[in-house]
Amino acid sequence: MAKLAPYDFVFDYLPSSIVVKQMFGMHYIYLGKKIMAILRKRPNEPELNGIWIATSKQHHQSLKMDIPELGSFFINNDERQGNWLFLPEDIDDFEAPAIKICELIAHGDQRIGNITEKAPI
């Protein structure tokens, strides 16, 4: 039996055509051939729990201007300036910026999402 996705309120703001795949204890959100985000809430490394946003480095600054709560992606104190931004679950009013992210996805914001060969069709 599949585990229910964390932060399930986000599904009220995402397009109905998304596909959610559970892998590695996380829930990957796809729209078409793009990965859009990952929902993570695991007991190990709780500092990584939250919403990971698929993007590219060129969009980091503008997305952070629109959603100041977004942070860079760190693992073991090593900043990963790749294709992800991070919304940690432990910030004040986590739901408000999470909803903003979902609304950007729903409106087709081109700054969010990366084409992947592993995307479900």
N, C-alpha and C. Protein backbone atom coordinates (compact mmCIF):
# COMPACT_ATOMS: atom_id res chain seq x y z
N MET A 1 0.85 -1.18 0.00
CA MET A 1 0.00 0.00 0.00
C MET A 1 0.89 1.24 0.00
N ALA A 2 0.62 2.15 -0.90
CA ALA A 2 1.42 3.36 -1.03
C ALA A 2 1.15 4.30 0.14
N LYS A 3 2.20 4.92 0.61
CA LYS A 3 2.08 5.90 1.69
C LYS A 3 1.48 7.18 1.13
N LEU A 4 0.61 7.80 1.91
CA LEU A 4 0.01 9.06 1.48
C LEU A 4 1.07 10.14 1.39
N ALA A 5 0.94 11.00 0.42
CA ALA A 5 1.91 12.07 0.22
C ALA A 5 1.81 13.10 1.35
N PRO A 6 2.95 13.62 1.78
CA PRO A 6 2.92 14.69 2.78
C PRO A 6 2.44 15.99 2.14
N TYR A 7 2.06 16.93 2.98
CA TYR A 7 1.65 18.25 2.51
C TYR A 7 0.52 18.13 1.48
N ASP A 8 -0.46 17.29 1.78
CA ASP A 8 -1.50 16.99 0.79
C ASP A 8 -2.35 18.19 0.40
N PHE A 9 -2.28 19.29 1.13
CA PHE A 9 -3.01 20.49 0.74
C PHE A 9 -2.55 21.01 -0.62
N VAL A 10 -1.31 20.70 -1.02
CA VAL A 10 -0.80 21.22 -2.30
C VAL A 10 -1.62 20.71 -3.49
N PHE A 11 -2.23 19.54 -3.34
CA PHE A 11 -2.98 18.97 -4.46
C PHE A 11 -4.23 19.77 -4.79
N ASP A 12 -4.68 20.62 -3.85
CA ASP A 12 -5.81 21.50 -4.13
C ASP A 12 -5.42 22.63 -5.09
N TYR A 13 -4.13 22.87 -5.27
CA TYR A 13 -3.64 24.01 -6.06
C TYR A 13 -2.88 23.59 -7.31
N LEU A 14 -2.63 22.31 -7.46
CA LEU A 14 -1.91 21.80 -8.63
C LEU A 14 -2.89 21.36 -9.71
N PRO A 15 -2.45 21.35 -10.96
CA PRO A 15 -3.33 20.88 -12.03
C PRO A 15 -3.75 19.43 -11.82
N SER A 16 -4.95 19.09 -12.24
CA SER A 16 -5.44 17.72 -12.05
C SER A 16 -4.69 16.72 -12.91
N SER A 17 -3.93 17.21 -13.89
CA SER A 17 -3.20 16.31 -14.79
C SER A 17 -1.83 15.90 -14.26
N ILE A 18 -1.48 16.30 -13.05
CA ILE A 18 -0.19 15.88 -12.49
C ILE A 18 -0.19 14.38 -12.24
N VAL A 19 1.00 13.82 -12.21
CA VAL A 19 1.19 12.42 -11.85
C VAL A 19 2.14 12.41 -10.66
N VAL A 20 1.80 11.62 -9.66
CA VAL A 20 2.64 11.51 -8.46
C VAL A 20 3.20 10.09 -8.41
N LYS A 21 4.51 10.01 -8.31
CA LYS A 21 5.20 8.72 -8.19
C LYS A 21 5.96 8.70 -6.87
N GLN A 22 5.80 7.62 -6.12
CA GLN A 22 6.53 7.47 -4.88
C GLN A 22 7.80 6.66 -5.14
N MET A 23 8.93 7.24 -4.78
CA MET A 23 10.22 6.57 -4.90
C MET A 23 11.11 7.04 -3.75
N PHE A 24 11.88 6.11 -3.20
CA PHE A 24 12.86 6.44 -2.17
C PHE A 24 12.22 7.17 -0.98
N GLY A 25 10.97 6.87 -0.69
CA GLY A 25 10.28 7.50 0.44
C GLY A 25 9.88 8.94 0.19
N MET A 26 9.90 9.36 -1.06
CA MET A 26 9.52 10.72 -1.41
C MET A 26 8.45 10.65 -2.50
N HIS A 27 7.75 11.74 -2.73
CA HIS A 27 6.70 11.79 -3.74
C HIS A 27 7.10 12.80 -4.82
N TYR A 28 7.30 12.26 -6.02
CA TYR A 28 7.75 13.05 -7.16
C TYR A 28 6.52 13.51 -7.94
N ILE A 29 6.47 14.80 -8.26
CA ILE A 29 5.33 15.37 -8.97
C ILE A 29 5.76 15.68 -10.39
N TYR A 30 5.04 15.08 -11.35
CA TYR A 30 5.31 15.28 -12.77
C TYR A 30 4.13 15.95 -13.43
N LEU A 31 4.43 16.74 -14.44
CA LEU A 31 3.42 17.32 -15.31
C LEU A 31 3.91 17.12 -16.73
N GLY A 32 3.24 16.26 -17.46
CA GLY A 32 3.72 15.90 -18.78
C GLY A 32 5.07 15.21 -18.67
N LYS A 33 6.04 15.69 -19.41
CA LYS A 33 7.37 15.09 -19.40
C LYS A 33 8.34 15.80 -18.45
N LYS A 34 7.78 16.63 -17.57
CA LYS A 34 8.62 17.39 -16.66
C LYS A 34 8.42 16.96 -15.21
N ILE A 35 9.54 16.89 -14.49
CA ILE A 35 9.44 16.79 -13.04
C ILE A 35 9.29 18.22 -12.54
N MET A 36 8.33 18.42 -11.65
CA MET A 36 8.04 19.77 -11.16
C MET A 36 8.54 19.99 -9.73
N ALA A 37 8.35 18.95 -8.90
CA ALA A 37 8.70 19.11 -7.49
C ALA A 37 8.80 17.72 -6.85
N ILE A 38 9.35 17.72 -5.67
CA ILE A 38 9.39 16.51 -4.83
C ILE A 38 8.89 16.92 -3.45
N LEU A 39 8.00 16.10 -2.91
CA LEU A 39 7.53 16.29 -1.54
C LEU A 39 8.30 15.30 -0.67
N ARG A 40 8.99 15.84 0.33
CA ARG A 40 9.81 14.96 1.18
C ARG A 40 9.48 15.18 2.64
N LYS A 41 9.13 14.11 3.32
CA LYS A 41 8.94 14.13 4.78
C LYS A 41 9.35 12.76 5.27
N ARG A 42 10.61 12.67 5.68
CA ARG A 42 11.19 11.41 6.14
C ARG A 42 11.83 11.64 7.50
N PRO A 43 11.91 10.59 8.32
CA PRO A 43 12.50 10.77 9.65
C PRO A 43 14.02 10.98 9.61
N ASN A 44 14.68 10.42 8.60
CA ASN A 44 16.13 10.64 8.51
C ASN A 44 16.38 11.99 7.84
N GLU A 45 17.35 12.69 8.29
CA GLU A 45 17.72 14.01 7.77
C GLU A 45 16.50 14.93 7.65
N PRO A 46 15.86 15.24 8.78
CA PRO A 46 14.65 16.07 8.74
C PRO A 46 14.91 17.48 8.20
N GLU A 47 16.15 17.90 8.21
CA GLU A 47 16.47 19.23 7.65
C GLU A 47 16.24 19.29 6.15
N LEU A 48 16.06 18.13 5.51
CA LEU A 48 15.77 18.08 4.07
C LEU A 48 14.28 17.92 3.77
N ASN A 49 13.45 17.94 4.82
CA ASN A 49 12.01 17.80 4.63
C ASN A 49 11.40 19.11 4.15
N GLY A 50 10.52 18.97 3.19
CA GLY A 50 9.85 20.13 2.61
C GLY A 50 9.54 19.85 1.16
N ILE A 51 9.54 20.91 0.39
CA ILE A 51 9.25 20.79 -1.04
C ILE A 51 10.51 21.18 -1.82
N TRP A 52 10.93 20.27 -2.66
CA TRP A 52 12.07 20.53 -3.56
C TRP A 52 11.48 20.95 -4.89
N ILE A 53 11.93 22.08 -5.42
CA ILE A 53 11.38 22.63 -6.65
C ILE A 53 12.38 22.41 -7.79
N ALA A 54 11.92 21.75 -8.84
CA ALA A 54 12.76 21.52 -10.01
C ALA A 54 12.81 22.81 -10.83
N THR A 55 14.01 23.27 -11.09
CA THR A 55 14.21 24.50 -11.85
C THR A 55 15.60 24.45 -12.45
N SER A 56 16.12 25.56 -12.85
CA SER A 56 17.51 25.63 -13.28
C SER A 56 18.15 26.84 -12.63
N LYS A 57 19.44 26.82 -12.54
CA LYS A 57 20.17 27.86 -11.82
C LYS A 57 19.83 29.25 -12.34
N GLN A 58 19.58 29.38 -13.62
CA GLN A 58 19.28 30.70 -14.19
C GLN A 58 17.99 31.30 -13.63
N HIS A 59 17.12 30.47 -13.05
CA HIS A 59 15.85 30.97 -12.51
C HIS A 59 15.86 31.13 -11.00
N HIS A 60 16.94 30.76 -10.34
CA HIS A 60 16.98 30.82 -8.88
C HIS A 60 16.67 32.22 -8.36
N GLN A 61 17.35 33.21 -8.87
CA GLN A 61 17.19 34.57 -8.35
C GLN A 61 15.76 35.08 -8.53
N SER A 62 15.19 34.90 -9.71
CA SER A 62 13.84 35.43 -9.93
C SER A 62 12.80 34.67 -9.10
N LEU A 63 12.97 33.36 -8.94
CA LEU A 63 12.03 32.61 -8.10
C LEU A 63 12.17 33.02 -6.63
N LYS A 64 13.40 33.25 -6.18
CA LYS A 64 13.61 33.70 -4.79
C LYS A 64 13.03 35.10 -4.57
N MET A 65 13.02 35.92 -5.62
CA MET A 65 12.40 37.25 -5.49
C MET A 65 10.88 37.10 -5.35
N ASP A 66 10.29 36.18 -6.10
CA ASP A 66 8.85 35.96 -6.03
C ASP A 66 8.43 35.21 -4.77
N ILE A 67 9.29 34.32 -4.30
CA ILE A 67 9.00 33.51 -3.11
C ILE A 67 10.25 33.55 -2.23
N PRO A 68 10.38 34.57 -1.39
CA PRO A 68 11.60 34.76 -0.60
C PRO A 68 11.92 33.60 0.35
N GLU A 69 10.94 32.77 0.67
CA GLU A 69 11.17 31.66 1.59
C GLU A 69 11.98 30.53 0.95
N LEU A 70 12.12 30.56 -0.37
CA LEU A 70 12.91 29.53 -1.05
C LEU A 70 14.37 29.67 -0.71
N GLY A 71 15.01 28.55 -0.54
CA GLY A 71 16.43 28.55 -0.25
C GLY A 71 17.18 27.66 -1.21
N SER A 72 18.47 27.77 -1.16
CA SER A 72 19.32 26.90 -1.95
C SER A 72 19.26 25.50 -1.36
N PHE A 73 19.69 24.56 -2.12
CA PHE A 73 19.62 23.16 -1.74
C PHE A 73 20.96 22.74 -1.14
N PHE A 74 20.94 22.30 0.12
CA PHE A 74 22.16 21.90 0.83
C PHE A 74 22.05 20.43 1.25
N ILE A 75 23.10 19.67 1.09
CA ILE A 75 23.22 18.34 1.67
C ILE A 75 24.58 18.28 2.33
N ASN A 76 24.60 17.93 3.62
CA ASN A 76 25.85 17.86 4.39
C ASN A 76 26.65 19.15 4.30
N ASN A 77 25.94 20.28 4.44
CA ASN A 77 26.54 21.62 4.39
C ASN A 77 27.19 21.94 3.06
N ASP A 78 26.87 21.19 2.01
CA ASP A 78 27.40 21.43 0.67
C ASP A 78 26.27 21.98 -0.18
N GLU A 79 26.40 23.24 -0.59
CA GLU A 79 25.36 23.87 -1.38
C GLU A 79 25.35 23.27 -2.79
N ARG A 80 24.20 22.79 -3.19
CA ARG A 80 24.03 22.24 -4.53
C ARG A 80 23.37 23.30 -5.39
N GLN A 81 24.13 23.94 -6.23
CA GLN A 81 23.59 25.01 -7.08
C GLN A 81 23.08 24.44 -8.40
N GLY A 82 22.58 23.26 -8.37
CA GLY A 82 22.06 22.62 -9.57
C GLY A 82 20.67 23.08 -9.89
N ASN A 83 19.83 22.12 -10.19
CA ASN A 83 18.51 22.42 -10.72
C ASN A 83 17.40 22.39 -9.67
N TRP A 84 17.71 22.63 -8.42
CA TRP A 84 16.71 22.55 -7.37
C TRP A 84 16.76 23.76 -6.44
N LEU A 85 15.58 24.17 -5.99
CA LEU A 85 15.45 25.09 -4.87
C LEU A 85 14.66 24.34 -3.79
N PHE A 86 14.65 24.89 -2.59
CA PHE A 86 14.12 24.16 -1.45
C PHE A 86 13.25 25.04 -0.58
N LEU A 87 12.07 24.53 -0.24
CA LEU A 87 11.19 25.18 0.72
C LEU A 87 11.13 24.27 1.95
N PRO A 88 11.84 24.64 3.03
CA PRO A 88 11.86 23.78 4.21
C PRO A 88 10.53 23.79 4.94
N GLU A 89 10.14 22.63 5.44
CA GLU A 89 8.84 22.51 6.10
C GLU A 89 8.76 23.24 7.43
N ASP A 90 9.91 23.55 8.03
CA ASP A 90 9.90 24.12 9.37
C ASP A 90 9.88 25.66 9.41
N ILE A 91 9.63 26.29 8.28
CA ILE A 91 9.55 27.76 8.29
C ILE A 91 8.16 28.18 8.78
N ASP A 92 8.06 29.42 9.23
CA ASP A 92 6.76 29.96 9.62
C ASP A 92 5.87 30.04 8.39
N ASP A 93 4.62 29.69 8.56
CA ASP A 93 3.61 29.76 7.50
C ASP A 93 4.05 29.04 6.23
N PHE A 94 4.47 27.80 6.38
CA PHE A 94 4.93 26.95 5.27
C PHE A 94 3.91 26.88 4.14
N GLU A 95 2.63 26.86 4.49
CA GLU A 95 1.60 26.66 3.48
C GLU A 95 1.53 27.80 2.46
N ALA A 96 1.71 29.03 2.88
CA ALA A 96 1.57 30.17 1.95
C ALA A 96 2.57 30.10 0.80
N PRO A 97 3.88 29.96 1.04
CA PRO A 97 4.79 29.86 -0.10
C PRO A 97 4.61 28.55 -0.88
N ALA A 98 4.20 27.48 -0.19
CA ALA A 98 3.94 26.22 -0.91
C ALA A 98 2.80 26.41 -1.91
N ILE A 99 1.76 27.12 -1.49
CA ILE A 99 0.64 27.39 -2.39
C ILE A 99 1.09 28.26 -3.56
N LYS A 100 1.95 29.25 -3.30
CA LYS A 100 2.47 30.09 -4.39
C LYS A 100 3.21 29.24 -5.43
N ILE A 101 4.01 28.29 -4.96
CA ILE A 101 4.73 27.40 -5.87
C ILE A 101 3.73 26.63 -6.74
N CYS A 102 2.72 26.07 -6.10
CA CYS A 102 1.71 25.30 -6.83
C CYS A 102 0.97 26.16 -7.84
N GLU A 103 0.68 27.39 -7.49
CA GLU A 103 0.00 28.30 -8.41
C GLU A 103 0.89 28.61 -9.61
N LEU A 104 2.19 28.78 -9.39
CA LEU A 104 3.10 28.99 -10.52
C LEU A 104 3.08 27.78 -11.44
N ILE A 105 3.10 26.59 -10.87
CA ILE A 105 3.04 25.37 -11.67
C ILE A 105 1.73 25.31 -12.45
N ALA A 106 0.63 25.60 -11.76
CA ALA A 106 -0.70 25.53 -12.39
C ALA A 106 -0.85 26.53 -13.53
N HIS A 107 -0.15 27.65 -13.43
CA HIS A 107 -0.22 28.67 -14.48
C HIS A 107 0.87 28.50 -15.54
N GLY A 108 1.58 27.41 -15.48
CA GLY A 108 2.57 27.10 -16.53
C GLY A 108 3.83 27.93 -16.48
N ASP A 109 4.22 28.41 -15.31
CA ASP A 109 5.45 29.19 -15.19
C ASP A 109 6.63 28.37 -15.70
N GLN A 110 7.30 28.88 -16.70
CA GLN A 110 8.38 28.16 -17.37
C GLN A 110 9.64 28.03 -16.53
N ARG A 111 9.70 28.73 -15.40
CA ARG A 111 10.87 28.64 -14.53
C ARG A 111 10.86 27.35 -13.71
N ILE A 112 9.72 26.72 -13.62
CA ILE A 112 9.59 25.51 -12.80
C ILE A 112 9.39 24.31 -13.71
N GLY A 113 10.15 23.27 -13.44
CA GLY A 113 10.03 22.02 -14.18
C GLY A 113 11.25 21.75 -15.05
N ASN A 114 11.65 20.50 -15.05
CA ASN A 114 12.76 20.05 -15.89
C ASN A 114 12.34 18.79 -16.63
N ILE A 115 12.61 18.76 -17.91
CA ILE A 115 12.29 17.58 -18.71
C ILE A 115 13.14 16.42 -18.23
N THR A 116 12.52 15.27 -18.10
CA THR A 116 13.23 14.08 -17.66
C THR A 116 12.76 12.87 -18.46
N GLU A 117 13.69 12.00 -18.74
CA GLU A 117 13.36 10.78 -19.47
C GLU A 117 12.54 9.83 -18.62
N LYS A 118 12.59 9.99 -17.30
CA LYS A 118 11.89 9.08 -16.41
C LYS A 118 10.45 9.54 -16.13
N ALA A 119 10.02 10.61 -16.75
CA ALA A 119 8.67 11.11 -16.50
C ALA A 119 7.64 10.12 -16.99
N PRO A 120 6.59 9.92 -16.19
CA PRO A 120 5.52 9.03 -16.65
C PRO A 120 4.76 9.69 -17.80
N ILE A 121 4.24 8.88 -18.66
CA ILE A 121 3.51 9.43 -19.81
C ILE A 121 2.03 9.36 -19.54
